[in-house]
Amino acid sequence: MTIDRLVLAFAGSFILISLILSHFHSPYWLWFTAFVGANLL
Protein backbone atom coordinates (compact mmCIF):
# COMPACT_ATOMS: atom_id res chain seq x y z
CA MET A 1 0.00 0.00 0.00
CA THR A 2 1.50 3.30 -1.06
CA ILE A 3 1.41 6.47 1.00
CA ASP A 4 -1.18 8.00 -1.34
CA ARG A 5 -3.59 5.13 -0.80
CA LEU A 6 -2.97 5.28 2.93
CA VAL A 7 -3.77 9.00 3.11
CA LEU A 8 -6.95 8.51 1.08
CA ALA A 9 -7.99 5.61 3.32
CA PHE A 10 -7.49 7.69 6.47
CA ALA A 11 -9.34 10.66 4.98
CA GLY A 12 -12.23 8.48 3.87
CA SER A 13 -12.53 6.88 7.27
CA PHE A 14 -12.46 10.30 8.99
CA ILE A 15 -15.21 11.52 6.66
CA LEU A 16 -17.39 8.49 7.37
CA ILE A 17 -16.83 8.75 11.13
CA SER A 18 -17.68 12.44 11.16
CA LEU A 19 -20.83 11.83 9.12
CA ILE A 20 -21.95 9.20 11.61
CA LEU A 21 -21.17 11.54 14.52
CA SER A 22 -23.09 14.38 12.88
CA HIS A 23 -26.10 12.14 12.43
CA PHE A 24 -26.19 10.81 16.00
CA HIS A 25 -24.49 13.49 18.09
CA SER A 26 -24.25 17.03 16.68
CA PRO A 27 -24.51 18.58 13.21
CA TYR A 28 -21.36 20.60 13.96
CA TRP A 29 -19.34 17.52 13.03
CA LEU A 30 -20.05 18.43 9.41
CA TRP A 31 -17.46 21.21 9.78
CA PHE A 32 -14.86 18.51 10.37
CA THR A 33 -16.06 16.74 7.23
CA ALA A 34 -15.67 19.97 5.26
CA PHE A 35 -12.18 20.45 6.72
CA VAL A 36 -11.06 16.97 5.66
CA GLY A 37 -12.58 17.45 2.21
CA ALA A 38 -10.82 20.80 1.78
CA ASN A 39 -7.51 19.21 2.71
CA LEU A 40 -8.03 16.55 0.06
CA LEU A 41 -8.20 19.27 -2.57
PDB file of N, CA and C in Angstrom:
ATOM      1  N   MET A   1       0.853  -1.178   0.000  1.00  0.00           N
ATOM      2  CA  MET A   1       0.000   0.000   0.000  1.00  0.00           C
ATOM      3  C   MET A   1       0.900   1.243   0.000  1.00  0.00           C
ATOM      4  N   THR A   2       0.687   2.095  -0.962  1.00  0.00           N
ATOM      5  CA  THR A   2       1.504   3.304  -1.055  1.00  0.00           C
ATOM      6  C   THR A   2       0.987   4.371  -0.093  1.00  0.00           C
ATOM      7  N   ILE A   3       1.782   5.404   0.066  1.00  0.00           N
ATOM      8  CA  ILE A   3       1.411   6.472   1.004  1.00  0.00           C
ATOM      9  C   ILE A   3       0.172   7.216   0.519  1.00  0.00           C
ATOM     10  N   ASP A   4       0.008   7.327  -0.807  1.00  0.00           N
ATOM     11  CA  ASP A   4      -1.178   8.000  -1.338  1.00  0.00           C
ATOM     12  C   ASP A   4      -2.451   7.247  -0.987  1.00  0.00           C
ATOM     13  N   ARG A   5      -2.418   5.937  -1.140  1.00  0.00           N
ATOM     14  CA  ARG A   5      -3.591   5.131  -0.804  1.00  0.00           C
ATOM     15  C   ARG A   5      -3.870   5.166   0.697  1.00  0.00           C
ATOM     16  N   LEU A   6      -2.803   5.227   1.485  1.00  0.00           N
ATOM     17  CA  LEU A   6      -2.970   5.282   2.934  1.00  0.00           C
ATOM     18  C   LEU A   6      -3.608   6.592   3.372  1.00  0.00           C
ATOM     19  N   VAL A   7      -3.186   7.702   2.778  1.00  0.00           N
ATOM     20  CA  VAL A   7      -3.769   9.004   3.105  1.00  0.00           C
ATOM     21  C   VAL A   7      -5.232   9.050   2.700  1.00  0.00           C
ATOM     22  N   LEU A   8      -5.548   8.536   1.524  1.00  0.00           N
ATOM     23  CA  LEU A   8      -6.949   8.514   1.081  1.00  0.00           C
ATOM     24  C   LEU A   8      -7.801   7.608   1.971  1.00  0.00           C
ATOM     25  N   ALA A   9      -7.242   6.508   2.434  1.00  0.00           N
ATOM     26  CA  ALA A   9      -7.987   5.611   3.319  1.00  0.00           C
ATOM     27  C   ALA A   9      -8.274   6.283   4.661  1.00  0.00           C
ATOM     28  N   PHE A  10      -7.282   6.977   5.215  1.00  0.00           N
ATOM     29  CA  PHE A  10      -7.493   7.694   6.475  1.00  0.00           C
ATOM     30  C   PHE A  10      -8.517   8.818   6.295  1.00  0.00           C
ATOM     31  N   ALA A  11      -8.397   9.563   5.216  1.00  0.00           N
ATOM     32  CA  ALA A  11      -9.339  10.664   4.984  1.00  0.00           C
ATOM     33  C   ALA A  11     -10.753  10.139   4.793  1.00  0.00           C
ATOM     34  N   GLY A  12     -10.903   9.068   4.055  1.00  0.00           N
ATOM     35  CA  GLY A  12     -12.226   8.480   3.866  1.00  0.00           C
ATOM     36  C   GLY A  12     -12.827   7.973   5.157  1.00  0.00           C
ATOM     37  N   SER A  13     -12.001   7.368   5.993  1.00  0.00           N
ATOM     38  CA  SER A  13     -12.533   6.878   7.270  1.00  0.00           C
ATOM     39  C   SER A  13     -12.898   8.038   8.194  1.00  0.00           C
ATOM     40  N   PHE A  14     -12.106   9.133   8.184  1.00  0.00           N
ATOM     41  CA  PHE A  14     -12.459  10.301   8.991  1.00  0.00           C
ATOM     42  C   PHE A  14     -13.764  10.926   8.508  1.00  0.00           C
ATOM     43  N   ILE A  15     -13.970  10.963   7.202  1.00  0.00           N
ATOM     44  CA  ILE A  15     -15.212  11.519   6.660  1.00  0.00           C
ATOM     45  C   ILE A  15     -16.407  10.674   7.078  1.00  0.00           C
ATOM     46  N   LEU A  16     -16.271   9.355   6.975  1.00  0.00           N
ATOM     47  CA  LEU A  16     -17.387   8.489   7.365  1.00  0.00           C
ATOM     48  C   LEU A  16     -17.677   8.575   8.864  1.00  0.00           C
ATOM     49  N   ILE A  17     -16.635   8.636   9.674  1.00  0.00           N
ATOM     50  CA  ILE A  17     -16.831   8.748  11.128  1.00  0.00           C
ATOM     51  C   ILE A  17     -17.504  10.061  11.477  1.00  0.00           C
ATOM     52  N   SER A  18     -17.066  11.149  10.839  1.00  0.00           N
ATOM     53  CA  SER A  18     -17.676  12.443  11.162  1.00  0.00           C
ATOM     54  C   SER A  18     -19.117  12.523  10.671  1.00  0.00           C
ATOM     55  N   LEU A  19     -19.433  11.860   9.566  1.00  0.00           N
ATOM     56  CA  LEU A  19     -20.826  11.835   9.118  1.00  0.00           C
ATOM     57  C   LEU A  19     -21.708  11.059  10.094  1.00  0.00           C
ATOM     58  N   ILE A  20     -21.191   9.965  10.615  1.00  0.00           N
ATOM     59  CA  ILE A  20     -21.948   9.200  11.614  1.00  0.00           C
ATOM     60  C   ILE A  20     -22.133  10.019  12.886  1.00  0.00           C
ATOM     61  N   LEU A  21     -21.064  10.709  13.312  1.00  0.00           N
ATOM     62  CA  LEU A  21     -21.172  11.536  14.516  1.00  0.00           C
ATOM     63  C   LEU A  21     -22.134  12.697  14.313  1.00  0.00           C
ATOM     64  N   SER A  22     -22.161  13.271  13.116  1.00  0.00           N
ATOM     65  CA  SER A  22     -23.088  14.381  12.877  1.00  0.00           C
ATOM     66  C   SER A  22     -24.533  13.900  12.860  1.00  0.00           C
ATOM     67  N   HIS A  23     -24.738  12.666  12.462  1.00  0.00           N
ATOM     68  CA  HIS A  23     -26.101  12.135  12.431  1.00  0.00           C
ATOM     69  C   HIS A  23     -26.606  11.832  13.845  1.00  0.00           C
ATOM     70  N   PHE A  24     -25.755  11.262  14.683  1.00  0.00           N
ATOM     71  CA  PHE A  24     -26.195  10.815  15.999  1.00  0.00           C
ATOM     72  C   PHE A  24     -25.898  11.795  17.127  1.00  0.00           C
ATOM     73  N   HIS A  25     -24.916  12.659  16.972  1.00  0.00           N
ATOM     74  CA  HIS A  25     -24.492  13.495  18.093  1.00  0.00           C
ATOM     75  C   HIS A  25     -24.786  14.980  17.860  1.00  0.00           C
ATOM     76  N   SER A  26     -24.104  15.600  16.898  1.00  0.00           N
ATOM     77  CA  SER A  26     -24.248  17.033  16.679  1.00  0.00           C
ATOM     78  C   SER A  26     -23.961  17.361  15.220  1.00  0.00           C
ATOM     79  N   PRO A  27     -24.766  18.232  14.624  1.00  0.00           N
ATOM     80  CA  PRO A  27     -24.514  18.584  13.211  1.00  0.00           C
ATOM     81  C   PRO A  27     -23.235  19.395  13.012  1.00  0.00           C
ATOM     82  N   TYR A  28     -22.615  19.855  14.085  1.00  0.00           N
ATOM     83  CA  TYR A  28     -21.364  20.602  13.955  1.00  0.00           C
ATOM     84  C   TYR A  28     -20.203  19.733  13.498  1.00  0.00           C
ATOM     85  N   TRP A  29     -20.373  18.417  13.549  1.00  0.00           N
ATOM     86  CA  TRP A  29     -19.345  17.522  13.028  1.00  0.00           C
ATOM     87  C   TRP A  29     -19.184  17.657  11.519  1.00  0.00           C
ATOM     88  N   LEU A  30     -20.168  18.231  10.849  1.00  0.00           N
ATOM     89  CA  LEU A  30     -20.046  18.434   9.406  1.00  0.00           C
ATOM     90  C   LEU A  30     -18.945  19.434   9.066  1.00  0.00           C
ATOM     91  N   TRP A  31     -18.595  20.306  10.002  1.00  0.00           N
ATOM     92  CA  TRP A  31     -17.464  21.210   9.784  1.00  0.00           C
ATOM     93  C   TRP A  31     -16.163  20.423   9.678  1.00  0.00           C
ATOM     94  N   PHE A  32     -16.039  19.372  10.467  1.00  0.00           N
ATOM     95  CA  PHE A  32     -14.858  18.511  10.372  1.00  0.00           C
ATOM     96  C   PHE A  32     -14.819  17.793   9.034  1.00  0.00           C
ATOM     97  N   THR A  33     -15.981  17.369   8.547  1.00  0.00           N
ATOM     98  CA  THR A  33     -16.064  16.743   7.232  1.00  0.00           C
ATOM     99  C   THR A  33     -15.619  17.705   6.144  1.00  0.00           C
ATOM    100  N   ALA A  34     -16.072  18.953   6.241  1.00  0.00           N
ATOM    101  CA  ALA A  34     -15.675  19.966   5.264  1.00  0.00           C
ATOM    102  C   ALA A  34     -14.169  20.239   5.343  1.00  0.00           C
ATOM    103  N   PHE A  35     -13.608  20.229   6.548  1.00  0.00           N
ATOM    104  CA  PHE A  35     -12.180  20.454   6.716  1.00  0.00           C
ATOM    105  C   PHE A  35     -11.360  19.338   6.062  1.00  0.00           C
ATOM    106  N   VAL A  36     -11.771  18.102   6.260  1.00  0.00           N
ATOM    107  CA  VAL A  36     -11.055  16.969   5.656  1.00  0.00           C
ATOM    108  C   VAL A  36     -11.188  17.026   4.136  1.00  0.00           C
ATOM    109  N   GLY A  37     -12.387  17.344   3.648  1.00  0.00           N
ATOM    110  CA  GLY A  37     -12.582  17.454   2.208  1.00  0.00           C
ATOM    111  C   GLY A  37     -11.757  18.574   1.589  1.00  0.00           C
ATOM    112  N   ALA A  38     -11.637  19.688   2.284  1.00  0.00           N
ATOM    113  CA  ALA A  38     -10.823  20.799   1.776  1.00  0.00           C
ATOM    114  C   ALA A  38      -9.339  20.419   1.745  1.00  0.00           C
ATOM    115  N   ASN A  39      -8.904  19.645   2.709  1.00  0.00           N
ATOM    116  CA  ASN A  39      -7.507  19.207   2.708  1.00  0.00           C
ATOM    117  C   ASN A  39      -7.222  18.206   1.604  1.00  0.00           C
ATOM    118  N   LEU A  40      -8.227  17.473   1.174  1.00  0.00           N
ATOM    119  CA  LEU A  40      -8.026  16.552   0.055  1.00  0.00           C
ATOM    120  C   LEU A  40      -7.850  17.282  -1.261  1.00  0.00           C
ATOM    121  N   LEU A  41      -8.378  18.480  -1.355  1.00  0.00           N
ATOM    122  CA  LEU A  41      -8.202  19.266  -2.575  1.00  0.00           C
ATOM    123  C   LEU A  41      -6.772  19.783  -2.667  1.00  0.00           C
TER     124      LEU A  41
END
